[in-house]
């Protein structure tokens, strides 16, 4: 394999260490989902399920609000200082939530946790520390880490709850985040003073264009719905499992086989999405399966097995959609506004988490499981209608070309000319490396046009 096809040791170190930041930070956040609703019953104010839902989801409100500002601040003041500040806020919020003297104290702690909105800054740092042709690999390492942490936290949360209680889980989260600060300091590489040239950053015009893009709007509604339904479900599921006679410290007996089974079932679907002609079919099918998991719930009988069957169907579809949505956004977004599009997408994800938890708490408190199910069916049903109009992105590939020696001005002029060619989506000209990295559509691209401009040939 040519050297350019492999991640360098520094790129691999950056990807793994930044993925660990997400893992250390998110483990405790996920671990409270299966146990918090039951724990909150013993708190002053915890008899109000709307407040319980707010406590679970309010971090998403501050996350959604502060994602873009934290990204901007990291551009201005540097990645690491902003990541340190965000992690410190997150740790402080974890310790406040661990006090657990009243539901409103937990809400304040969760609000402060969400104020550490460093996802955009970490993703930007990932881009700074990896070459364009390896960026997808780095993002995949981060994504798989988050998915693995999510599954692990749900399975062991009941045992952690038995050992240390929910306040202990919050305190443990704070300690893990302090460890994450150490990882940033000691392991994450420094960003070069002059990182590789990137596409121009999106401004107000690009932001408005992203909001007006109907294809992106379909995907943004999808991530909002997916996380709203997830959070609403975890208001109802722990309480329903307990009502069906399963003690909270045994809930892992349901979560472990469900998550293992759903991962196995989702693999064929995810693998088939590498073929563009099947992508839409798999995507719409997963949304329909998500809807079926909620509609079928009353017809699956009663007891723990009914909940387990519902969760197996739900998480099979959830895993497919959680993997497909970010990929579709990155492929659909225009190159000059990709960062803006991902920022909006992340904000809608966190808003969905807040809306689902708060709405799910209110509905479960007034109408029980039926209220949550109707809420989920309405959101997913609308998504199914919206998803049918999704466009299938054209397959793309990145080609590398050898260049003659170029100064900075010549590199900029060449990049502008390459971007204007039919079928060219993204361009990065690295004059010092004498390389041009050109991302092109599988159809509508004529390589002769590139060769005429650069006067060279493809790199072997």
Protein backbone atom coordinates (compact mmCIF):
# COMPACT_ATOMS: atom_id res chain seq x y z
CA UNK A 1 0.00 0.00 0.00
CA UNK A 2 1.50 3.40 -0.93
CA UNK A 3 2.48 5.60 2.02
CA UNK A 4 -0.15 8.22 1.03
CA UNK A 5 -2.88 5.54 1.42
CA UNK A 6 -2.04 4.97 5.09
CA UNK A 7 -2.63 7.23 8.05
CA UNK A 8 0.63 8.52 9.46
CA UNK A 9 1.48 7.67 13.11
CA UNK A 10 0.59 11.24 14.11
CA UNK A 11 -2.75 11.07 12.27
CA UNK A 12 -3.59 7.78 13.95
CA UNK A 13 -2.55 9.18 17.32
CA UNK A 14 -4.75 12.24 16.74
CA UNK A 15 -7.78 10.21 15.67
CA UNK A 16 -7.56 7.72 18.56
CA UNK A 17 -6.87 10.33 21.24
CA UNK A 18 -9.65 12.65 20.04
CA UNK A 19 -12.03 9.66 19.87
CA UNK A 20 -11.13 8.91 23.48
CA UNK A 21 -12.18 12.45 24.42
CA UNK A 22 -15.66 11.70 23.10
CA UNK A 23 -15.68 8.30 24.80
CA UNK A 24 -14.62 9.55 28.23
CA UNK A 25 -17.07 12.44 28.02
CA UNK A 26 -20.09 10.53 26.73
CA UNK A 27 -19.87 7.35 28.83
CA UNK A 28 -21.46 8.89 31.88
CA UNK A 29 -23.98 10.80 29.79
CA UNK A 30 -25.25 7.59 28.24
CA UNK A 31 -25.03 5.58 31.47
CA UNK A 32 -27.74 7.60 33.23
CA UNK A 33 -30.34 6.94 30.50
CA UNK A 34 -31.51 3.50 31.72
CA UNK A 35 -31.58 4.43 35.43
CA UNK A 36 -32.27 8.14 35.89
CA UNK A 37 -36.08 8.11 35.64
CA UNK A 38 -36.28 5.58 38.49
CA UNK A 39 -33.64 7.38 40.58
CA UNK A 40 -35.41 10.72 40.17
CA UNK A 41 -38.53 9.41 41.93
CA UNK A 42 -36.64 9.73 45.21
CA UNK A 43 -35.63 13.36 44.62
CA UNK A 44 -37.64 16.36 45.81
CA UNK A 45 -39.55 17.43 42.70
CA UNK A 46 -38.84 14.09 41.02
CA UNK A 47 -42.52 13.12 41.07
CA UNK A 48 -42.99 15.55 38.17
CA UNK A 49 -42.05 13.49 35.11
CA UNK A 50 -41.88 16.60 32.94
CA UNK A 51 -39.02 17.87 35.14
CA UNK A 52 -37.42 14.43 35.02
CA UNK A 53 -37.50 14.61 31.22
CA UNK A 54 -36.06 18.12 31.31
CA UNK A 55 -33.25 16.90 33.57
CA UNK A 56 -32.37 14.14 31.13
CA UNK A 57 -32.55 16.28 27.99
CA UNK A 58 -31.67 19.84 29.00
CA UNK A 59 -27.99 19.30 28.24
CA UNK A 60 -29.07 19.05 24.60
CA UNK A 61 -30.50 22.56 24.74
CA UNK A 62 -27.21 24.17 25.75
CA UNK A 63 -25.28 21.85 23.44
CA UNK A 64 -27.41 22.94 20.49
CA UNK A 65 -27.10 26.61 21.41
CA UNK A 66 -23.34 26.64 21.93
CA UNK A 67 -22.03 24.26 19.26
CA UNK A 68 -21.46 26.98 16.66
CA UNK A 69 -20.05 29.61 19.12
CA UNK A 70 -17.56 27.06 20.49
CA UNK A 71 -16.50 26.27 16.94
CA UNK A 72 -16.00 29.96 16.20
CA UNK A 73 -14.05 30.51 19.44
CA UNK A 74 -11.79 27.57 18.62
CA UNK A 75 -10.99 29.24 15.27
CA UNK A 76 -10.06 32.45 17.04
CA UNK A 77 -8.39 31.33 20.27
CA UNK A 78 -7.09 27.89 19.31
CA UNK A 79 -8.53 24.40 19.55
CA UNK A 80 -6.95 23.16 22.78
CA UNK A 81 -7.81 26.17 25.00
CA UNK A 82 -11.47 25.98 23.99
CA UNK A 83 -11.56 22.20 24.46
CA UNK A 84 -10.03 22.63 27.94
CA UNK A 85 -12.68 25.21 28.82
CA UNK A 86 -15.52 23.05 27.50
CA UNK A 87 -14.33 19.96 29.36
CA UNK A 88 -13.94 21.97 32.58
CA UNK A 89 -17.55 23.18 32.28
CA UNK A 90 -18.70 19.64 31.60
CA UNK A 91 -16.84 18.30 34.68
CA UNK A 92 -18.24 21.09 36.86
CA UNK A 93 -21.76 20.29 35.70
CA UNK A 94 -21.22 16.59 36.47
CA UNK A 95 -20.21 17.36 40.05
CA UNK A 96 -23.17 19.73 40.51
CA UNK A 97 -25.57 17.04 39.24
CA UNK A 98 -23.96 14.55 41.64
CA UNK A 99 -25.15 16.63 44.62
CA UNK A 100 -28.65 15.32 43.89
CA UNK A 101 -30.44 17.33 46.59
CA UNK A 102 -33.32 18.38 44.32
CA UNK A 103 -34.44 17.80 40.75
CA UNK A 104 -33.69 21.46 39.97
CA UNK A 105 -30.08 21.02 41.15
CA UNK A 106 -29.72 18.09 38.73
CA UNK A 107 -31.24 20.23 35.97
CA UNK A 108 -28.70 22.98 36.72
CA UNK A 109 -25.88 20.45 36.58
CA UNK A 110 -27.10 19.01 33.30
CA UNK A 111 -27.43 22.50 31.87
CA UNK A 112 -23.82 23.20 32.83
CA UNK A 113 -22.70 19.87 31.34
CA UNK A 114 -24.26 20.86 28.03
CA UNK A 115 -22.46 24.21 28.13
CA UNK A 116 -19.24 22.31 27.41
CA UNK A 117 -20.20 22.07 23.74
CA UNK A 118 -16.86 20.99 22.31
CA UNK A 119 -18.00 18.59 19.57
CA UNK A 120 -17.47 21.14 16.79
CA UNK A 121 -14.04 22.15 18.15
CA UNK A 122 -12.93 18.50 18.42
CA UNK A 123 -14.14 17.75 14.89
CA UNK A 124 -12.33 20.85 13.62
CA UNK A 125 -9.16 19.71 15.38
CA UNK A 126 -9.55 16.31 13.74
CA UNK A 127 -9.61 18.08 10.38
CA UNK A 128 -6.54 20.13 11.34
CA UNK A 129 -4.51 17.04 12.25
CA UNK A 130 -5.43 14.76 9.33
CA UNK A 131 -4.96 14.97 5.61
CA UNK A 132 -8.12 15.21 3.53
CA UNK A 133 -7.81 11.68 2.14
CA UNK A 134 -7.72 10.24 5.68
CA UNK A 135 -10.33 12.47 7.30
CA UNK A 136 -13.16 10.02 6.74
CA UNK A 137 -11.16 7.29 8.49
CA UNK A 138 -10.56 9.58 11.47
CA UNK A 139 -14.26 10.45 11.66
CA UNK A 140 -15.12 6.75 11.45
CA UNK A 141 -12.85 6.03 14.44
CA UNK A 142 -14.64 8.73 16.41
CA UNK A 143 -18.08 7.53 15.34
CA UNK A 144 -17.39 3.88 16.18
CA UNK A 145 -16.03 4.91 19.58
CA UNK A 146 -19.22 6.80 20.39
CA UNK A 147 -21.34 3.86 19.25
CA UNK A 148 -19.33 1.40 21.31
CA UNK A 149 -19.49 3.60 24.40
CA UNK A 150 -23.26 3.96 23.97
CA UNK A 151 -23.75 0.18 23.88
CA UNK A 152 -21.36 -0.45 26.79
CA UNK A 153 -22.91 2.23 28.99
CA UNK A 154 -26.46 0.91 28.55
CA UNK A 155 -25.39 -2.61 29.45
CA UNK A 156 -23.37 -1.79 32.58
CA UNK A 157 -25.44 1.18 33.82
CA UNK A 158 -27.68 -0.98 36.06
CA UNK A 159 -24.58 -2.51 37.72
CA UNK A 160 -23.01 0.92 38.19
CA UNK A 161 -26.28 2.13 39.68
CA UNK A 162 -26.20 -0.74 42.19
CA UNK A 163 -22.58 -0.02 43.11
CA UNK A 164 -22.57 3.77 43.35
CA UNK A 165 -26.03 5.10 42.54
CA UNK A 166 -26.83 7.81 40.01
CA UNK A 167 -24.95 10.51 42.04
CA UNK A 168 -21.90 8.26 41.85
CA UNK A 169 -22.33 7.92 38.07
CA UNK A 170 -22.44 11.72 37.77
CA UNK A 171 -19.31 12.03 39.93
CA UNK A 172 -17.58 9.30 37.91
CA UNK A 173 -18.44 11.26 34.76
CA UNK A 174 -16.73 14.33 36.20
CA UNK A 175 -13.59 12.31 36.99
CA UNK A 176 -13.53 10.79 33.49
CA UNK A 177 -13.79 14.26 31.96
CA UNK A 178 -10.85 15.45 34.08
CA UNK A 179 -8.92 12.48 32.68
CA UNK A 180 -9.98 13.64 29.21
CA UNK A 181 -8.36 17.01 29.93
CA UNK A 182 -5.14 15.13 30.67
CA UNK A 183 -5.46 13.25 27.38
CA UNK A 184 -5.80 16.54 25.49
CA UNK A 185 -2.72 17.93 27.23
CA UNK A 186 -0.45 14.89 27.05
CA UNK A 187 -1.53 12.85 24.02
CA UNK A 188 -3.43 14.92 21.45
CA UNK A 189 -0.86 16.43 19.02
CA UNK A 190 -0.50 20.16 18.72
CA UNK A 191 -2.18 21.78 15.72
CA UNK A 192 0.45 23.03 13.23
CA UNK A 193 0.85 26.79 13.07
CA UNK A 194 -0.07 26.64 9.41
CA UNK A 195 -2.45 23.71 8.95
CA UNK A 196 -3.16 22.41 5.47
CA UNK A 197 -5.31 24.65 3.30
CA UNK A 198 -9.01 23.95 3.65
CA UNK A 199 -12.07 25.03 1.79
CA UNK A 200 -13.24 28.57 2.61
CA UNK A 201 -15.28 28.69 5.81
CA UNK A 202 -19.00 29.23 5.47
CA UNK A 203 -20.39 32.67 6.20
CA UNK A 204 -23.90 34.09 6.60
CA UNK A 205 -24.78 33.40 2.96
CA UNK A 206 -23.69 29.77 3.23
CA UNK A 207 -25.60 29.41 6.50
CA UNK A 208 -28.81 30.66 4.86
CA UNK A 209 -28.21 28.41 1.86
CA UNK A 210 -27.89 25.42 4.17
CA UNK A 211 -31.18 26.29 5.87
CA UNK A 212 -32.90 26.60 2.47
CA UNK A 213 -31.52 23.33 1.10
CA UNK A 214 -34.47 20.92 1.05
CA UNK A 215 -32.29 17.80 0.96
CA UNK A 216 -30.34 18.91 4.02
CA UNK A 217 -33.62 19.87 5.71
CA UNK A 218 -34.86 16.29 5.29
CA UNK A 219 -31.70 14.97 6.93
CA UNK A 220 -31.83 17.57 9.73
CA UNK A 221 -35.42 16.64 10.52
CA UNK A 222 -34.33 13.01 10.53
CA UNK A 223 -31.59 13.46 13.15
CA UNK A 224 -33.95 15.60 15.26
CA UNK A 225 -36.58 12.84 15.19
CA UNK A 226 -34.13 9.98 15.76
CA UNK A 227 -32.78 11.47 18.97
CA UNK A 228 -36.14 12.78 20.16
CA UNK A 229 -37.59 9.29 19.90
CA UNK A 230 -34.54 7.73 21.59
CA UNK A 231 -34.77 10.06 24.59
CA UNK A 232 -38.55 9.71 24.91
CA UNK A 233 -38.17 5.94 24.84
CA UNK A 234 -35.73 6.00 27.75
CA UNK A 235 -38.24 7.86 29.87
CA UNK A 236 -40.73 5.01 29.40
CA UNK A 237 -38.62 1.85 29.07
CA UNK A 238 -36.95 1.73 32.55
CA UNK A 239 -40.28 2.43 34.25
CA UNK A 240 -42.10 -0.15 32.13
CA UNK A 241 -39.45 -2.81 32.78
CA UNK A 242 -39.80 -2.24 36.50
CA UNK A 243 -43.59 -2.34 36.24
CA UNK A 244 -43.28 -5.72 34.50
CA UNK A 245 -41.38 -7.08 37.49
CA UNK A 246 -37.73 -6.69 36.41
CA UNK A 247 -35.58 -4.99 39.11
CA UNK A 248 -33.48 -2.09 37.84
CA UNK A 249 -30.19 -3.89 38.53
CA UNK A 250 -31.32 -6.63 36.13
CA UNK A 251 -32.30 -4.38 33.24
CA UNK A 252 -29.01 -5.26 31.57
CA UNK A 253 -30.50 -8.71 30.93
CA UNK A 254 -32.65 -6.94 28.34
CA UNK A 255 -30.16 -4.36 27.04
CA UNK A 256 -27.22 -6.70 26.39
CA UNK A 257 -28.95 -9.22 24.07
CA UNK A 258 -30.94 -6.43 22.40
CA UNK A 259 -27.86 -4.39 21.55
CA UNK A 260 -25.81 -7.39 20.42
CA UNK A 261 -28.68 -8.62 18.26
CA UNK A 262 -29.34 -5.20 16.75
CA UNK A 263 -25.67 -4.75 15.80
CA UNK A 264 -25.65 -8.11 14.06
CA UNK A 265 -28.89 -7.37 12.22
CA UNK A 266 -27.78 -3.92 11.06
CA UNK A 267 -24.47 -5.05 9.51
CA UNK A 268 -25.90 -6.33 6.18
CA UNK A 269 -27.92 -3.15 5.72
CA UNK A 270 -24.98 -0.84 6.47
CA UNK A 271 -22.66 -2.82 4.19
CA UNK A 272 -25.14 -2.56 1.33
CA UNK A 273 -25.25 1.24 1.57
CA UNK A 274 -21.82 1.36 -0.05
CA UNK A 275 -23.73 0.87 -3.29
CA UNK A 276 -25.42 4.21 -4.05
CA UNK A 277 -28.37 2.63 -5.87
CA UNK A 278 -29.38 0.84 -2.65
CA UNK A 279 -28.75 3.68 -0.25
CA UNK A 280 -32.19 5.28 -0.49
CA UNK A 281 -33.97 1.93 -0.28
CA UNK A 282 -32.09 0.96 2.89
CA UNK A 283 -32.54 4.42 4.42
CA UNK A 284 -36.30 4.60 3.85
CA UNK A 285 -36.64 0.97 4.94
CA UNK A 286 -34.87 1.74 8.23
CA UNK A 287 -37.25 4.66 8.90
CA UNK A 288 -40.21 2.36 8.19
CA UNK A 289 -38.76 -0.25 10.59
CA UNK A 290 -38.35 2.44 13.24
CA UNK A 291 -42.03 3.32 12.80
CA UNK A 292 -43.01 -0.34 12.97
CA UNK A 293 -41.22 -0.75 16.31
CA UNK A 294 -43.60 1.81 17.83
CA UNK A 295 -46.80 0.78 16.06
CA UNK A 296 -46.31 -2.91 16.89
CA UNK A 297 -45.61 -2.30 20.57
CA UNK A 298 -49.24 -2.79 21.80
CA UNK A 299 -49.61 -5.95 19.67
CA UNK A 300 -46.54 -7.79 20.94
CA UNK A 301 -48.25 -9.03 24.09
CA UNK A 302 -47.17 -7.95 27.53
CA UNK A 303 -44.23 -8.26 29.87
CA UNK A 304 -40.48 -7.93 29.50
CA UNK A 305 -40.36 -9.88 26.22
CA UNK A 306 -42.61 -7.28 24.58
CA UNK A 307 -40.22 -4.49 25.54
CA UNK A 308 -37.19 -6.53 24.45
CA UNK A 309 -38.75 -7.24 21.04
CA UNK A 310 -39.63 -3.56 20.60
CA UNK A 311 -36.09 -2.48 21.52
CA UNK A 312 -34.53 -5.04 19.16
CA UNK A 313 -36.53 -3.70 16.22
CA UNK A 314 -35.91 -0.11 17.31
CA UNK A 315 -32.13 -0.39 17.73
CA UNK A 316 -31.65 -2.32 14.49
CA UNK A 317 -33.19 0.62 12.62
CA UNK A 318 -31.54 3.19 14.91
CA UNK A 319 -28.03 1.82 14.26
CA UNK A 320 -28.53 1.94 10.49
CA UNK A 321 -29.85 5.50 10.57
CA UNK A 322 -27.28 6.76 13.06
CA UNK A 323 -24.54 5.55 10.70
CA UNK A 324 -26.20 6.77 7.49
CA UNK A 325 -27.31 10.29 8.45
CA UNK A 326 -23.88 11.93 9.06
CA UNK A 327 -22.53 10.33 5.89
CA UNK A 328 -25.47 11.63 3.85
CA UNK A 329 -25.03 15.14 5.26
CA UNK A 330 -21.33 15.22 4.38
CA UNK A 331 -22.10 13.98 0.86
CA UNK A 332 -25.08 16.29 0.30
CA UNK A 333 -23.64 19.53 1.69
CA UNK A 334 -21.94 21.88 -0.79
CA UNK A 335 -18.15 21.88 -0.26
CA UNK A 336 -17.99 25.57 0.65
CA UNK A 337 -20.62 25.11 3.39
CA UNK A 338 -19.86 21.62 4.69
CA UNK A 339 -18.79 22.85 8.12
CA UNK A 340 -21.89 24.99 8.46
CA UNK A 341 -24.12 22.09 7.37
CA UNK A 342 -22.57 19.74 9.93
CA UNK A 343 -22.93 22.40 12.63
CA UNK A 344 -26.65 22.80 11.90
CA UNK A 345 -27.04 19.01 11.80
CA UNK A 346 -25.37 18.62 15.22
CA UNK A 347 -27.51 21.38 16.71
CA UNK A 348 -30.72 19.70 15.51
CA UNK A 349 -29.52 16.41 17.00
CA UNK A 350 -29.15 17.97 20.45
CA UNK A 351 -32.43 19.87 20.13
CA UNK A 352 -34.09 16.55 19.36
CA UNK A 353 -32.61 15.06 22.53
CA UNK A 354 -34.01 17.91 24.60
CA UNK A 355 -37.44 17.87 22.95
CA UNK A 356 -37.74 14.09 23.23
CA UNK A 357 -36.75 13.90 26.88
CA UNK A 358 -38.90 16.85 28.00
CA UNK A 359 -41.84 15.86 25.79
CA UNK A 360 -41.53 12.20 26.72
CA UNK A 361 -41.53 13.02 30.44
CA UNK A 362 -44.65 15.16 30.14
CA UNK A 363 -46.51 12.62 28.00
CA UNK A 364 -45.57 9.62 30.14
CA UNK A 365 -46.60 11.49 33.28
CA UNK A 366 -50.06 12.22 31.85
CA UNK A 367 -50.82 9.30 29.50
CA UNK A 368 -48.23 6.66 30.28
CA UNK A 369 -46.65 4.49 27.60
CA UNK A 370 -49.46 5.31 25.14
CA UNK A 371 -48.62 9.01 25.17
CA UNK A 372 -44.95 8.33 24.37
CA UNK A 373 -45.87 5.86 21.63
CA UNK A 374 -48.23 8.33 19.92
CA UNK A 375 -45.56 11.05 20.12
CA UNK A 376 -43.01 8.72 18.51
CA UNK A 377 -45.41 7.52 15.80
CA UNK A 378 -46.29 11.08 14.75
CA UNK A 379 -42.64 12.17 14.51
CA UNK A 380 -41.48 9.04 12.68
CA UNK A 381 -44.54 8.93 10.41
CA UNK A 382 -43.76 12.45 9.20
CA UNK A 383 -40.12 11.45 8.76
CA UNK A 384 -41.14 8.51 6.57
CA UNK A 385 -43.05 10.90 4.29
CA UNK A 386 -40.09 13.30 4.20
CA UNK A 387 -37.51 10.55 3.67
CA UNK A 388 -39.21 9.30 0.51
CA UNK A 389 -38.10 12.49 -1.23
CA UNK A 390 -34.45 12.17 -0.29
CA UNK A 391 -31.97 12.38 -3.14
CA UNK A 392 -29.23 9.81 -3.59
CA UNK A 393 -25.82 11.55 -3.60
CA UNK A 394 -23.65 10.82 -6.60
CA UNK A 395 -20.77 8.47 -5.81
CA UNK A 396 -17.47 10.34 -5.44
CA UNK A 397 -13.80 9.55 -5.27
CA UNK A 398 -10.59 11.44 -4.51
CA UNK A 399 -7.80 11.57 -7.10
CA UNK A 400 -4.24 12.68 -6.44
CA UNK A 401 -2.21 14.52 -9.10
CA UNK A 402 1.47 15.40 -9.24
CA UNK A 403 2.17 19.11 -9.80
CA UNK A 404 5.13 21.14 -10.99
CA UNK A 405 6.68 23.45 -8.36
CA UNK A 406 4.15 26.20 -7.45
CA UNK A 407 4.24 29.18 -5.13
CA UNK A 408 1.26 30.10 -2.89
CA UNK A 409 -0.37 32.43 -5.44
CA UNK A 410 -0.06 29.89 -8.24
CA UNK A 411 -1.51 27.17 -6.00
CA UNK A 412 -4.54 29.35 -5.21
CA UNK A 413 -5.14 30.15 -8.89
CA UNK A 414 -4.89 26.49 -9.86
CA UNK A 415 -7.30 25.47 -7.09
CA UNK A 416 -9.85 28.03 -8.30
CA UNK A 417 -9.63 26.76 -11.89
CA UNK A 418 -9.96 23.14 -10.79
CA UNK A 419 -13.07 23.91 -8.72
CA UNK A 420 -14.74 25.39 -11.78
CA UNK A 421 -14.47 22.14 -13.79
CA UNK A 422 -17.58 19.98 -14.31
CA UNK A 423 -17.80 17.09 -11.88
CA UNK A 424 -15.24 18.51 -9.45
CA UNK A 425 -16.57 18.77 -5.88
CA UNK A 426 -13.58 19.61 -3.68
CA UNK A 427 -9.99 20.64 -4.30
CA UNK A 428 -6.92 20.96 -2.08
CA UNK A 429 -3.67 22.04 -3.70
CA UNK A 430 -0.62 21.37 -1.52
CA UNK A 431 2.10 23.31 -3.32
CA UNK A 432 4.86 22.27 -0.93
CA UNK A 433 4.00 18.60 -1.50
CA UNK A 434 3.52 19.16 -5.24
CA UNK A 435 0.17 17.40 -4.97
CA UNK A 436 -3.42 18.25 -5.88
CA UNK A 437 -6.20 16.31 -4.13
CA UNK A 438 -9.39 16.47 -6.20
CA UNK A 439 -12.71 14.95 -5.10
CA UNK A 440 -14.84 14.20 -8.16
CA UNK A 441 -18.25 12.79 -9.06
CA UNK A 442 -18.32 9.32 -10.59
CA UNK A 443 -20.30 10.77 -13.52
CA UNK A 444 -19.83 14.07 -15.31
CA UNK A 445 -16.09 14.29 -14.66
CA UNK A 446 -13.53 14.35 -17.46
CA UNK A 447 -9.96 13.83 -16.25
CA UNK A 448 -8.54 15.34 -19.45
CA UNK A 449 -9.70 18.76 -18.25
CA UNK A 450 -7.59 18.40 -15.10
CA UNK A 451 -4.53 17.15 -16.97
CA UNK A 452 -4.67 20.13 -19.33
CA UNK A 453 -4.63 22.53 -16.36
CA UNK A 454 -1.85 20.96 -14.32
CA UNK A 455 0.34 19.74 -17.15
CA UNK A 456 1.11 16.56 -15.20
CA UNK A 457 -0.53 13.27 -14.45
CA UNK A 458 -2.18 11.23 -11.76
CA UNK A 459 0.02 10.17 -8.90
CA UNK A 460 0.72 6.42 -8.90
